Amino acid sequence: MTAKLLIDIQVDQEKHRILVVKTFAVPLEMVWDTWTKPEYLDQWWAPRPYRTKTKSMTFEPGGRWHYAMISPENEQHWCLADYKNIENRESYTYTDAFCDEQGEINLHHPRTTWTVQFGASDEGKTTLVNVTLQYASLADLEAIVGMGIREGFSMAIGNLDELLRSLINHSK
């Protein structure tokens, strides 16, 4: 990867969603793996100084990713992703939730439906990722925005840029 490519994050209040567009200067298969395998997700998903630890993951329709984002003080914030649809190396959809270590969903926080789409471009040298975060209501969207989703996800994508650079350098 020669240049850091920018991330575009837009909040659409009318449709209760956040749209994220990011191009990575690496092939699609590598980007897909970093979004769908716990050994990679644990390296980039949480915004620093937090880190991610996967408790379990079954990446298939009906499967789940149960993980914690852990603070520098070792405080654990548990989350759950319930996978709905998966089209290999094209897209996947899941609904996330805050939960406890046993996977009991916290009903006091909004849930987000994530749709993540991947596309190869530039003769397979770059990968475009489109992410849509959909909320049930404007209040849910505003709550998540207020919690810092834009800043946190931007930091996580920066972590992913670093991970992909490292993977490219190790494959040379």
C-alpha atoms as a PDB file:
ATOM      1  CA  MET A   1       0.000   0.000   0.000  1.00  0.00           C
ATOM      2  CA  THR A   2       1.544   3.210  -1.099  1.00  0.00           C
ATOM      3  CA  ALA A   3      -0.960   5.799   0.112  1.00  0.00           C
ATOM      4  CA  LYS A   4      -3.450   6.014   2.918  1.00  0.00           C
ATOM      5  CA  LEU A   5      -6.850   6.232   1.272  1.00  0.00           C
ATOM      6  CA  LEU A   6      -9.502   8.345   3.006  1.00  0.00           C
ATOM      7  CA  ILE A   7     -12.682   7.128   4.639  1.00  0.00           C
ATOM      8  CA  ASP A   8     -16.039   8.768   3.918  1.00  0.00           C
ATOM      9  CA  ILE A   9     -18.642   8.605   6.708  1.00  0.00           C
ATOM     10  CA  GLN A  10     -22.058  10.175   6.218  1.00  0.00           C
ATOM     11  CA  VAL A  11     -25.005  10.276   8.606  1.00  0.00           C
ATOM     12  CA  ASP A  12     -28.411  10.086   6.901  1.00  0.00           C
ATOM     13  CA  GLN A  13     -30.921  11.186   9.553  1.00  0.00           C
ATOM     14  CA  GLU A  14     -33.908  10.844   7.222  1.00  0.00           C
ATOM     15  CA  LYS A  15     -33.246   7.131   6.616  1.00  0.00           C
ATOM     16  CA  HIS A  16     -31.783   6.462  10.108  1.00  0.00           C
ATOM     17  CA  ARG A  17     -28.465   5.192   8.818  1.00  0.00           C
ATOM     18  CA  ILE A  18     -24.748   5.787   8.576  1.00  0.00           C
ATOM     19  CA  LEU A  19     -22.955   5.203   5.275  1.00  0.00           C
ATOM     20  CA  VAL A  20     -19.250   4.418   5.190  1.00  0.00           C
ATOM     21  CA  VAL A  21     -17.120   4.140   2.046  1.00  0.00           C
ATOM     22  CA  LYS A  22     -13.472   3.136   2.127  1.00  0.00           C
ATOM     23  CA  THR A  23     -11.045   2.005  -0.558  1.00  0.00           C
ATOM     24  CA  PHE A  24      -8.094  -0.180   0.400  1.00  0.00           C
ATOM     25  CA  ALA A  25      -5.043  -0.523  -1.840  1.00  0.00           C
ATOM     26  CA  VAL A  26      -4.949  -4.310  -1.495  1.00  0.00           C
ATOM     27  CA  PRO A  27      -6.737  -7.210  -3.211  1.00  0.00           C
ATOM     28  CA  LEU A  28     -10.295  -8.104  -2.223  1.00  0.00           C
ATOM     29  CA  GLU A  29      -9.466 -11.494  -0.712  1.00  0.00           C
ATOM     30  CA  MET A  30      -7.103  -9.925   1.824  1.00  0.00           C
ATOM     31  CA  VAL A  31      -9.652  -7.270   2.811  1.00  0.00           C
ATOM     32  CA  TRP A  32     -12.426  -9.897   3.066  1.00  0.00           C
ATOM     33  CA  ASP A  33     -10.286 -12.007   5.405  1.00  0.00           C
ATOM     34  CA  THR A  34      -9.579  -9.066   7.718  1.00  0.00           C
ATOM     35  CA  TRP A  35     -13.328  -8.412   8.060  1.00  0.00           C
ATOM     36  CA  THR A  36     -14.405 -12.030   8.527  1.00  0.00           C
ATOM     37  CA  LYS A  37     -11.749 -13.887  10.534  1.00  0.00           C
ATOM     38  CA  PRO A  38     -11.373 -13.367  14.287  1.00  0.00           C
ATOM     39  CA  GLU A  39      -7.579 -13.517  14.249  1.00  0.00           C
ATOM     40  CA  TYR A  40      -7.626 -10.363  12.094  1.00  0.00           C
ATOM     41  CA  LEU A  41     -10.681  -8.655  13.617  1.00  0.00           C
ATOM     42  CA  ASP A  42      -9.031  -8.843  17.038  1.00  0.00           C
ATOM     43  CA  GLN A  43      -6.137  -6.796  15.630  1.00  0.00           C
ATOM     44  CA  TRP A  44      -8.144  -3.859  14.303  1.00  0.00           C
ATOM     45  CA  TRP A  45     -11.825  -3.713  15.295  1.00  0.00           C
ATOM     46  CA  ALA A  46     -11.560  -1.692  18.535  1.00  0.00           C
ATOM     47  CA  PRO A  47     -10.429   1.932  18.423  1.00  0.00           C
ATOM     48  CA  ARG A  48      -7.155   2.414  20.288  1.00  0.00           C
ATOM     49  CA  PRO A  49      -6.330   2.346  23.113  1.00  0.00           C
ATOM     50  CA  TYR A  50      -9.017  -0.374  23.342  1.00  0.00           C
ATOM     51  CA  ARG A  51      -8.400  -3.856  22.026  1.00  0.00           C
ATOM     52  CA  THR A  52     -10.723  -6.624  20.835  1.00  0.00           C
ATOM     53  CA  LYS A  53     -10.865 -10.188  22.129  1.00  0.00           C
ATOM     54  CA  THR A  54     -13.069 -12.751  20.408  1.00  0.00           C
ATOM     55  CA  LYS A  55     -14.778 -15.234  22.716  1.00  0.00           C
ATOM     56  CA  SER A  56     -16.383 -17.174  19.852  1.00  0.00           C
ATOM     57  CA  MET A  57     -17.149 -16.735  16.171  1.00  0.00           C
ATOM     58  CA  THR A  58     -19.090 -18.757  13.635  1.00  0.00           C
ATOM     59  CA  PHE A  59     -19.063 -16.837  10.359  1.00  0.00           C
ATOM     60  CA  GLU A  60     -22.086 -18.304   8.602  1.00  0.00           C
ATOM     61  CA  PRO A  61     -25.760 -17.375   8.266  1.00  0.00           C
ATOM     62  CA  GLY A  62     -27.288 -17.893  11.715  1.00  0.00           C
ATOM     63  CA  GLY A  63     -23.818 -17.780  13.312  1.00  0.00           C
ATOM     64  CA  ARG A  64     -22.488 -15.301  15.838  1.00  0.00           C
ATOM     65  CA  TRP A  65     -19.434 -13.290  16.749  1.00  0.00           C
ATOM     66  CA  HIS A  66     -19.210 -12.755  20.524  1.00  0.00           C
ATOM     67  CA  TYR A  67     -16.401 -10.422  21.507  1.00  0.00           C
ATOM     68  CA  ALA A  68     -15.253  -7.823  23.998  1.00  0.00           C
ATOM     69  CA  MET A  69     -13.701  -4.430  23.507  1.00  0.00           C
ATOM     70  CA  ILE A  70     -11.287  -4.079  26.389  1.00  0.00           C
ATOM     71  CA  SER A  71     -10.148  -0.748  27.821  1.00  0.00           C
ATOM     72  CA  PRO A  72      -6.585  -0.014  28.968  1.00  0.00           C
ATOM     73  CA  GLU A  73      -7.944  -0.492  32.527  1.00  0.00           C
ATOM     74  CA  ASN A  74      -9.123  -3.986  31.488  1.00  0.00           C
ATOM     75  CA  GLU A  75     -12.828  -3.031  31.545  1.00  0.00           C
ATOM     76  CA  GLN A  76     -14.685  -5.328  29.142  1.00  0.00           C
ATOM     77  CA  HIS A  77     -17.509  -4.100  26.897  1.00  0.00           C
ATOM     78  CA  TRP A  78     -19.190  -7.175  25.400  1.00  0.00           C
ATOM     79  CA  CYS A  79     -20.849  -7.227  21.980  1.00  0.00           C
ATOM     80  CA  LEU A  80     -22.642  -9.754  19.840  1.00  0.00           C
ATOM     81  CA  ALA A  81     -23.044  -9.929  16.058  1.00  0.00           C
ATOM     82  CA  ASP A  82     -25.788 -12.181  14.667  1.00  0.00           C
ATOM     83  CA  TYR A  83     -24.984 -13.027  11.030  1.00  0.00           C
ATOM     84  CA  LYS A  84     -27.957 -13.005   8.647  1.00  0.00           C
ATOM     85  CA  ASN A  85     -26.724 -13.232   5.038  1.00  0.00           C
ATOM     86  CA  ILE A  86     -23.277 -13.989   3.646  1.00  0.00           C
ATOM     87  CA  GLU A  87     -22.255 -13.882  -0.016  1.00  0.00           C
ATOM     88  CA  ASN A  88     -18.638 -15.064  -0.092  1.00  0.00           C
ATOM     89  CA  ARG A  89     -16.239 -12.220  -0.936  1.00  0.00           C
ATOM     90  CA  GLU A  90     -19.186  -9.968  -1.901  1.00  0.00           C
ATOM     91  CA  SER A  91     -21.186  -8.984   1.176  1.00  0.00           C
ATOM     92  CA  TYR A  92     -22.570  -9.926   4.538  1.00  0.00           C
ATOM     93  CA  THR A  93     -25.231  -8.608   6.906  1.00  0.00           C
ATOM     94  CA  TYR A  94     -25.468  -8.874  10.662  1.00  0.00           C
ATOM     95  CA  THR A  95     -27.267  -7.267  13.564  1.00  0.00           C
ATOM     96  CA  ASP A  96     -25.150  -6.254  16.534  1.00  0.00           C
ATOM     97  CA  ALA A  97     -25.938  -5.615  20.152  1.00  0.00           C
ATOM     98  CA  PHE A  98     -24.274  -4.756  23.402  1.00  0.00           C
ATOM     99  CA  CYS A  99     -24.439  -7.750  25.729  1.00  0.00           C
ATOM    100  CA  ASP A 100     -22.790  -9.368  28.714  1.00  0.00           C
ATOM    101  CA  GLU A 101     -20.088 -12.028  28.798  1.00  0.00           C
ATOM    102  CA  GLN A 102     -22.718 -14.768  28.512  1.00  0.00           C
ATOM    103  CA  GLY A 103     -24.250 -13.158  25.401  1.00  0.00           C
ATOM    104  CA  GLU A 104     -27.394 -11.759  27.093  1.00  0.00           C
ATOM    105  CA  ILE A 105     -28.399  -8.748  24.984  1.00  0.00           C
ATOM    106  CA  ASN A 106     -28.638  -5.365  26.704  1.00  0.00           C
ATOM    107  CA  LEU A 107     -32.056  -4.077  25.615  1.00  0.00           C
ATOM    108  CA  HIS A 108     -31.279  -0.546  26.845  1.00  0.00           C
ATOM    109  CA  HIS A 109     -28.965   0.132  23.886  1.00  0.00           C
ATOM    110  CA  PRO A 110     -29.931   0.338  20.213  1.00  0.00           C
ATOM    111  CA  ARG A 111     -29.092  -2.479  17.835  1.00  0.00           C
ATOM    112  CA  THR A 112     -27.440  -1.847  14.494  1.00  0.00           C
ATOM    113  CA  THR A 113     -27.908  -3.798  11.283  1.00  0.00           C
ATOM    114  CA  TRP A 114     -24.636  -3.754   9.366  1.00  0.00           C
ATOM    115  CA  THR A 115     -24.442  -4.458   5.636  1.00  0.00           C
ATOM    116  CA  VAL A 116     -20.847  -4.720   4.439  1.00  0.00           C
ATOM    117  CA  GLN A 117     -20.241  -4.890   0.669  1.00  0.00           C
ATOM    118  CA  PHE A 118     -16.921  -5.568  -1.072  1.00  0.00           C
ATOM    119  CA  GLY A 119     -15.869  -4.875  -4.637  1.00  0.00           C
ATOM    120  CA  ALA A 120     -12.569  -5.271  -6.463  1.00  0.00           C
ATOM    121  CA  SER A 121     -11.385  -2.451  -8.702  1.00  0.00           C
ATOM    122  CA  ASP A 122      -8.284  -1.301 -10.548  1.00  0.00           C
ATOM    123  CA  GLU A 123      -7.683  -4.774 -12.016  1.00  0.00           C
ATOM    124  CA  GLY A 124      -7.958  -6.351  -8.565  1.00  0.00           C
ATOM    125  CA  LYS A 125      -5.355  -4.104  -6.953  1.00  0.00           C
ATOM    126  CA  THR A 126      -7.801  -2.187  -4.775  1.00  0.00           C
ATOM    127  CA  THR A 127     -10.942  -3.053  -2.830  1.00  0.00           C
ATOM    128  CA  LEU A 128     -13.920  -0.801  -2.261  1.00  0.00           C
ATOM    129  CA  VAL A 129     -15.864  -1.437   0.952  1.00  0.00           C
ATOM    130  CA  ASN A 130     -19.336   0.052   1.460  1.00  0.00           C
ATOM    131  CA  VAL A 131     -20.849  -0.235   4.925  1.00  0.00           C
ATOM    132  CA  THR A 132     -24.404   0.683   5.830  1.00  0.00           C
ATOM    133  CA  LEU A 133     -25.346   0.881   9.508  1.00  0.00           C
ATOM    134  CA  GLN A 134     -29.137   0.890   9.781  1.00  0.00           C
ATOM    135  CA  TYR A 135     -31.136   1.891  12.866  1.00  0.00           C
ATOM    136  CA  ALA A 136     -34.790   1.372  13.782  1.00  0.00           C
ATOM    137  CA  SER A 137     -35.325   5.053  14.586  1.00  0.00           C
ATOM    138  CA  LEU A 138     -33.768   8.495  14.515  1.00  0.00           C
ATOM    139  CA  ALA A 139     -33.415   8.311  18.307  1.00  0.00           C
ATOM    140  CA  ASP A 140     -31.377   5.090  17.984  1.00  0.00           C
ATOM    141  CA  LEU A 141     -29.153   6.669  15.313  1.00  0.00           C
ATOM    142  CA  GLU A 142     -28.611   9.767  17.431  1.00  0.00           C
ATOM    143  CA  ALA A 143     -27.778   7.660  20.497  1.00  0.00           C
ATOM    144  CA  ILE A 144     -25.070   5.746  18.616  1.00  0.00           C
ATOM    145  CA  VAL A 145     -23.685   8.912  17.008  1.00  0.00           C
ATOM    146  CA  GLY A 146     -23.592  10.440  20.499  1.00  0.00           C
ATOM    147  CA  MET A 147     -21.574   7.458  21.719  1.00  0.00           C
ATOM    148  CA  GLY A 148     -18.887   8.313  19.145  1.00  0.00           C
ATOM    149  CA  ILE A 149     -19.433   5.769  16.339  1.00  0.00           C
ATOM    150  CA  ARG A 150     -17.939   8.059  13.678  1.00  0.00           C
ATOM    151  CA  GLU A 151     -14.758   8.722  15.618  1.00  0.00           C
ATOM    152  CA  GLY A 152     -14.419   5.170  16.893  1.00  0.00           C
ATOM    153  CA  PHE A 153     -15.027   3.512  13.541  1.00  0.00           C
ATOM    154  CA  SER A 154     -12.619   5.938  11.831  1.00  0.00           C
ATOM    155  CA  MET A 155      -9.935   4.932  14.341  1.00  0.00           C
ATOM    156  CA  ALA A 156     -10.685   1.240  13.801  1.00  0.00           C
ATOM    157  CA  ILE A 157     -10.386   1.674  10.025  1.00  0.00           C
ATOM    158  CA  GLY A 158      -7.018   3.358  10.643  1.00  0.00           C
ATOM    159  CA  ASN A 159      -6.010   0.231  12.583  1.00  0.00           C
ATOM    160  CA  LEU A 160      -7.129  -1.857   9.606  1.00  0.00           C
ATOM    161  CA  ASP A 161      -4.992   0.243   7.245  1.00  0.00           C
ATOM    162  CA  GLU A 162      -1.984  -0.518   9.473  1.00  0.00           C
ATOM    163  CA  LEU A 163      -2.793  -4.231   9.619  1.00  0.00           C
ATOM    164  CA  LEU A 164      -3.156  -4.463   5.833  1.00  0.00           C
ATOM    165  CA  ARG A 165       0.187  -2.655   5.350  1.00  0.00           C
ATOM    166  CA  SER A 166       1.788  -5.145   7.720  1.00  0.00           C
ATOM    167  CA  LEU A 167       0.221  -8.129   5.891  1.00  0.00           C
ATOM    168  CA  ILE A 168       1.381  -6.799   2.507  1.00  0.00           C
ATOM    169  CA  ASN A 169       4.922  -6.249   3.830  1.00  0.00           C
ATOM    170  CA  HIS A 170       5.046  -9.795   5.257  1.00  0.00           C
ATOM    171  CA  SER A 171       3.839 -11.315   1.990  1.00  0.00           C
ATOM    172  CA  LYS A 172       6.663  -9.727  -0.061  1.00  0.00           C
END
